[in-house]
Protein backbone atom coordinates (compact mmCIF):
# COMPACT_ATOMS: atom_id res chain seq x y z
CA MET A 1 100.43 -58.45 56.08
CA THR A 2 103.96 -58.87 54.76
CA THR A 3 105.96 -61.71 56.22
CA LEU A 4 109.53 -62.88 56.48
CA PRO A 5 110.57 -65.71 54.17
CA ASP A 6 112.14 -67.82 56.93
CA SER A 7 113.75 -67.75 60.38
CA LEU A 8 117.00 -67.09 58.46
CA VAL A 9 117.20 -64.48 55.71
CA SER A 10 120.02 -64.03 53.22
CA THR A 11 122.03 -60.89 52.66
CA GLU A 12 120.52 -60.77 49.16
CA TRP A 13 116.98 -60.78 50.58
CA LEU A 14 117.75 -58.12 53.16
CA ALA A 15 119.47 -55.86 50.63
CA ALA A 16 116.39 -56.09 48.42
CA HIS A 17 113.97 -55.19 51.23
CA LEU A 18 115.90 -52.60 53.24
CA GLY A 19 113.91 -49.43 53.69
CA GLU A 20 110.47 -51.04 53.72
CA PRO A 21 108.55 -49.22 56.48
CA ASP A 22 107.65 -52.29 58.53
CA LEU A 23 111.08 -53.94 58.27
CA LYS A 24 113.32 -53.12 61.22
CA VAL A 25 116.96 -54.20 61.40
CA VAL A 26 118.69 -54.64 64.74
CA ASP A 27 122.41 -55.00 65.39
CA ALA A 28 122.66 -57.35 68.39
CA THR A 29 126.44 -57.71 68.39
CA PHE A 30 127.71 -58.85 71.78
CA TYR A 31 131.18 -59.56 73.16
CA LEU A 32 132.09 -61.50 76.28
CA PRO A 33 133.82 -59.30 78.88
CA HIS A 34 137.26 -60.92 78.45
CA LEU A 35 137.39 -59.72 74.81
CA LYS A 36 137.37 -56.09 75.98
CA ARG A 37 135.49 -54.82 72.91
CA ASP A 38 132.74 -52.20 72.86
CA ALA A 39 129.92 -53.40 70.63
CA ARG A 40 127.96 -50.15 70.85
CA ALA A 41 130.98 -48.04 69.86
CA GLU A 42 131.66 -50.37 66.93
CA PHE A 43 128.00 -50.05 65.91
CA GLU A 44 128.27 -46.27 65.84
CA GLN A 45 131.37 -46.55 63.64
CA ALA A 46 129.69 -48.83 61.08
CA HIS A 47 126.36 -50.65 60.84
CA LEU A 48 123.82 -51.78 58.28
CA PRO A 49 121.71 -48.95 56.85
CA GLY A 50 118.76 -48.10 59.09
CA ALA A 51 119.81 -50.50 61.86
CA VAL A 52 119.35 -49.78 65.56
CA PHE A 53 121.48 -51.24 68.35
CA PHE A 54 119.88 -54.03 70.40
CA ASP A 55 122.00 -54.14 73.55
CA ILE A 56 121.42 -57.46 75.33
CA GLU A 57 123.19 -56.09 78.42
CA ALA A 58 120.89 -53.06 78.60
CA ILE A 59 117.64 -54.81 77.59
CA ALA A 60 117.87 -57.07 80.60
CA ASP A 61 116.75 -57.59 84.19
CA HIS A 62 119.09 -55.29 86.11
CA ALA A 63 117.78 -56.55 89.46
CA ASP A 64 119.25 -59.98 88.70
CA PRO A 65 122.98 -60.40 89.43
CA LEU A 66 123.35 -62.85 86.54
CA PRO A 67 124.41 -61.35 83.19
CA HIS A 68 121.83 -60.22 80.59
CA MET A 69 118.88 -62.13 82.05
CA LEU A 70 115.53 -61.55 80.34
CA PRO A 71 113.76 -58.38 81.45
CA PRO A 72 110.10 -58.26 82.51
CA PRO A 73 107.71 -58.04 79.51
CA GLU A 74 106.85 -54.39 80.14
CA ALA A 75 110.53 -53.41 80.27
CA PHE A 76 111.19 -55.27 77.00
CA ALA A 77 108.19 -53.57 75.38
CA ASP A 78 109.40 -50.12 76.47
CA ALA A 79 112.97 -50.75 75.30
CA VAL A 80 111.95 -52.13 71.91
CA GLY A 81 109.34 -49.42 71.37
CA ALA A 82 112.05 -46.83 72.06
CA LEU A 83 114.07 -48.42 69.23
CA GLY A 84 111.21 -47.66 66.86
CA ILE A 85 110.01 -51.26 66.61
CA GLY A 86 106.25 -51.74 66.71
CA THR A 87 104.06 -54.74 67.38
CA GLY A 88 103.35 -55.41 63.70
CA ASP A 89 106.87 -54.90 62.39
CA ARG A 90 109.15 -57.49 60.85
CA VAL A 91 112.50 -57.70 62.62
CA VAL A 92 115.81 -58.95 61.23
CA ALA A 93 118.64 -59.34 63.72
CA TYR A 94 122.30 -59.52 62.82
CA GLY A 95 125.51 -59.74 64.80
CA GLY A 96 129.03 -60.99 64.74
CA ARG A 97 130.73 -64.37 64.95
CA GLY A 98 128.57 -67.49 64.91
CA LEU A 99 125.26 -65.60 65.07
CA ILE A 100 125.31 -65.92 68.86
CA ALA A 101 123.90 -62.48 69.66
CA SER A 102 121.50 -62.31 66.72
CA ALA A 103 120.10 -65.72 67.68
CA ARG A 104 119.72 -64.46 71.27
CA ALA A 105 117.80 -61.42 69.98
CA TRP A 106 115.64 -63.71 67.78
CA TRP A 107 114.85 -65.92 70.78
CA THR A 108 114.12 -62.94 73.02
CA PHE A 109 111.59 -61.49 70.57
CA ARG A 110 109.90 -64.91 70.39
CA VAL A 111 109.86 -65.22 74.19
CA PHE A 112 107.87 -61.99 74.27
CA GLY A 113 105.38 -63.14 71.65
CA HIS A 114 106.88 -61.59 68.51
CA ASP A 115 107.28 -64.29 65.86
CA ARG A 116 107.89 -61.97 62.91
CA VAL A 117 111.63 -62.11 63.52
CA ALA A 118 114.54 -63.61 61.61
CA VAL A 119 118.32 -63.80 61.75
CA LEU A 120 120.61 -62.56 58.98
CA ASP A 121 122.50 -65.63 57.78
CA GLY A 122 126.19 -64.82 57.67
CA GLY A 123 125.73 -61.76 59.87
CA SER A 124 127.65 -58.55 59.47
CA ALA A 125 130.77 -60.41 58.29
CA LYS A 126 129.06 -61.69 55.13
CA TRP A 127 127.40 -58.32 54.50
CA LYS A 128 130.77 -56.55 54.68
CA LYS A 129 132.57 -59.22 52.67
CA GLU A 130 130.08 -58.68 49.85
CA GLY A 131 130.81 -54.95 49.87
CA ARG A 132 127.29 -53.95 50.80
CA PRO A 133 126.58 -50.45 52.16
CA LEU A 134 127.19 -49.39 55.74
CA GLU A 135 126.50 -46.21 57.66
CA SER A 136 127.81 -44.62 60.84
CA GLY A 137 126.40 -42.56 63.68
CA ARG A 138 123.83 -42.98 66.41
CA PRO A 139 120.26 -43.43 65.09
CA ALA A 140 117.34 -41.51 66.60
CA PRO A 141 114.29 -43.65 65.77
CA ALA A 142 110.78 -42.38 66.44
CA PRO A 143 109.39 -44.27 69.46
CA THR A 144 106.38 -46.48 68.87
CA ARG A 145 104.22 -49.00 70.73
CA PHE A 146 105.31 -52.60 71.18
CA ALA A 147 103.17 -55.16 73.02
CA ALA A 148 104.98 -58.00 74.82
CA THR A 149 103.53 -61.18 76.28
CA LEU A 150 105.79 -63.67 78.03
CA HIS A 151 105.87 -67.20 76.58
CA LYS A 152 107.26 -69.07 79.58
CA GLU A 153 107.59 -72.37 77.75
CA LEU A 154 110.56 -71.00 75.79
CA VAL A 155 112.51 -70.12 78.96
CA ALA A 156 114.03 -72.49 81.50
CA ASP A 157 115.00 -71.33 84.99
CA LEU A 158 116.89 -73.12 87.76
CA ASP A 159 113.78 -74.81 89.15
CA ARG A 160 112.89 -76.21 85.75
CA MET A 161 116.42 -77.49 85.21
CA LEU A 162 116.42 -79.22 88.60
CA ALA A 163 113.05 -80.77 87.77
CA ILE A 164 114.40 -82.06 84.46
CA LEU A 165 117.30 -83.63 86.33
CA GLU A 166 114.87 -85.45 88.58
CA ARG A 167 112.15 -86.41 86.10
CA ARG A 168 114.17 -86.79 82.88
CA ASP A 169 111.19 -85.34 81.01
CA ALA A 170 113.36 -83.28 78.65
CA GLN A 171 116.82 -83.39 77.11
CA VAL A 172 119.48 -80.79 77.87
CA ILE A 173 122.03 -79.85 75.21
CA ASP A 174 125.01 -77.63 75.95
CA ALA A 175 126.42 -75.24 73.33
CA ARG A 176 129.77 -74.66 75.08
CA SER A 177 133.07 -76.00 73.76
CA ARG A 178 133.89 -79.64 74.32
CA GLY A 179 136.72 -78.65 76.65
CA ARG A 180 134.52 -76.52 78.88
CA PHE A 181 131.85 -79.22 78.89
CA ALA A 182 134.42 -81.82 79.99
CA ALA A 183 136.17 -79.43 82.43
CA THR A 184 139.46 -79.72 80.53
CA GLU A 185 139.38 -76.00 79.62
CA PRO A 186 138.87 -73.15 82.09
CA GLU A 187 135.58 -71.29 82.23
CA ILE A 188 135.53 -67.83 80.68
CA ARG A 189 133.86 -66.19 83.68
CA PRO A 190 135.75 -66.37 86.98
CA GLY A 191 134.44 -68.33 89.96
CA LEU A 192 132.62 -71.05 88.03
CA ARG A 193 133.15 -74.76 88.50
CA GLY A 194 134.12 -76.84 85.49
CA GLY A 195 131.96 -79.56 83.95
CA HIS A 196 128.34 -79.83 82.90
CA ILE A 197 124.79 -80.56 84.04
CA PRO A 198 124.55 -84.32 84.68
CA GLY A 199 122.96 -86.15 81.76
CA SER A 200 123.32 -83.24 79.34
CA LEU A 201 124.53 -83.58 75.77
CA ASN A 202 127.15 -81.44 74.07
CA LEU A 203 127.07 -79.75 70.68
CA PRO A 204 129.33 -76.69 70.46
CA TYR A 205 127.39 -74.02 68.58
CA ASN A 206 130.31 -73.25 66.25
CA GLU A 207 130.11 -76.77 64.81
CA LEU A 208 126.88 -75.74 63.08
CA PHE A 209 128.87 -73.44 60.79
CA ALA A 210 131.40 -74.13 58.08
CA ALA A 211 134.99 -73.32 59.03
CA ASP A 212 135.62 -69.55 59.10
CA ASP A 213 132.04 -68.88 58.05
CA ASP A 214 128.99 -67.40 59.77
CA VAL A 215 126.52 -69.11 57.43
CA LEU A 216 124.56 -71.91 59.06
CA ARG A 217 125.28 -75.29 57.51
CA PRO A 218 122.51 -76.98 55.44
CA ASP A 219 119.60 -78.43 57.41
CA THR A 220 120.67 -82.00 56.64
CA ASP A 221 124.12 -81.34 58.13
CA VAL A 222 122.64 -79.60 61.16
CA ARG A 223 120.21 -82.47 61.75
CA GLY A 224 123.12 -84.90 61.51
CA ALA A 225 125.09 -82.88 64.08
CA PHE A 226 122.22 -83.04 66.57
CA GLN A 227 121.79 -86.76 65.96
CA ALA A 228 125.53 -87.35 66.43
CA ALA A 229 125.28 -85.51 69.76
CA GLY A 230 122.60 -87.99 70.84
CA LEU A 231 119.62 -85.64 70.62
CA ASP A 232 116.15 -86.93 69.78
CA LEU A 233 114.37 -84.03 68.07
CA ALA A 234 111.02 -85.72 68.74
CA ARG A 235 111.45 -85.12 72.49
CA PRO A 236 111.38 -81.86 74.50
CA VAL A 237 114.73 -80.12 74.81
CA VAL A 238 116.38 -77.23 76.62
CA ALA A 239 119.55 -75.58 75.29
CA THR A 240 122.17 -74.22 77.66
CA CYS A 241 125.60 -72.57 77.33
CA GLY A 242 127.77 -70.17 79.31
CA SER A 243 125.33 -67.33 79.91
CA GLY A 244 122.28 -68.00 77.74
CA VAL A 245 123.54 -66.49 74.47
CA SER A 246 125.08 -69.18 72.24
CA ALA A 247 122.39 -71.62 73.45
CA ALA A 248 120.01 -69.58 71.30
CA VAL A 249 121.97 -70.69 68.20
CA LEU A 250 120.99 -74.27 69.03
CA ALA A 251 117.39 -73.14 69.64
CA LEU A 252 117.35 -71.42 66.23
CA ALA A 253 118.78 -74.51 64.54
CA MET A 254 116.22 -76.78 66.23
CA TYR A 255 113.42 -74.38 65.27
CA ARG A 256 114.45 -74.73 61.65
CA LEU A 257 114.30 -78.51 62.01
CA GLY A 258 110.75 -78.37 63.37
CA ARG A 259 111.42 -78.32 67.14
CA ARG A 260 109.80 -74.93 67.63
CA ASP A 261 109.34 -75.21 71.38
CA ALA A 262 113.01 -75.69 72.28
CA ALA A 263 113.71 -73.64 75.39
CA VAL A 264 116.85 -71.82 76.51
CA TYR A 265 118.16 -71.98 80.08
CA ASP A 266 118.56 -68.26 80.68
CA GLY A 267 121.00 -68.49 83.59
CA SER A 268 122.97 -71.30 81.93
CA TRP A 269 126.39 -72.28 83.30
CA THR A 270 126.95 -68.88 84.92
CA GLU A 271 124.12 -69.75 87.27
CA TRP A 272 124.51 -73.53 87.50
CA GLY A 273 128.31 -73.62 87.72
CA GLY A 274 128.40 -70.62 90.03
CA ARG A 275 126.34 -72.26 92.76
CA PRO A 276 127.67 -74.64 95.41
CA ASP A 277 124.46 -76.69 95.61
CA THR A 278 123.94 -77.83 91.99
CA PRO A 279 125.28 -81.22 90.86
CA VAL A 280 128.08 -81.15 88.30
CA ALA A 281 129.37 -83.92 86.06
CA PRO A 282 132.98 -83.72 84.84
């Protein structure tokens, strides 16, 4: 069985392996609503050869009022199978700025028991900068069977977060900006309180990248960033953010440093900061 070289793959590696029958590429580009950009339309204009569009808004639990919450396993399996991705396939996810959506796709596949998944380091920006080939149009992949099994330990819900607050049996690290964490900047989504979960740490996800670059910094630098934030990688940890997307960048980074059970709080600040009954620290 062929494998992926790492949880991150380079543009060079992907270019060399594109077209292999069991290697599936997904474009998981996602934009927050205030940016008013259409990721699917941009995908149809230009995407990596053979890629399919992994829409985190569509592959979601539509019964939940919170944005892009994880779908039930059977719904994920149906959606991914319809994209032509099978149980035994290798998956490489790419996206736009800061790997936020590709890391979310990587985490989602792992939540549903699929570990043969990696993120394209540098994303679409690096691929385009290097002048590598692109194609346009809407793909029509042949549907196949995908089996999904929920791994609950990788997902935190409100009850788990409240329990952590009470028991202090795990660390919480927030990927939002320092201003949002400290309530000195407004929240992106309307109606949310400012601040953070009491006792949580802060490491803005973009600080894991070099300036104006979508390539993850070396592991030694990333480890140092977590340590500077006060995180003990030997202890359990849950990553949070605005709506459960950029938190996955921290989860990916911790995975690479050996903390492979780091969870993501799926509802994140949209849930916590949108409720009147959750404690908030400024």
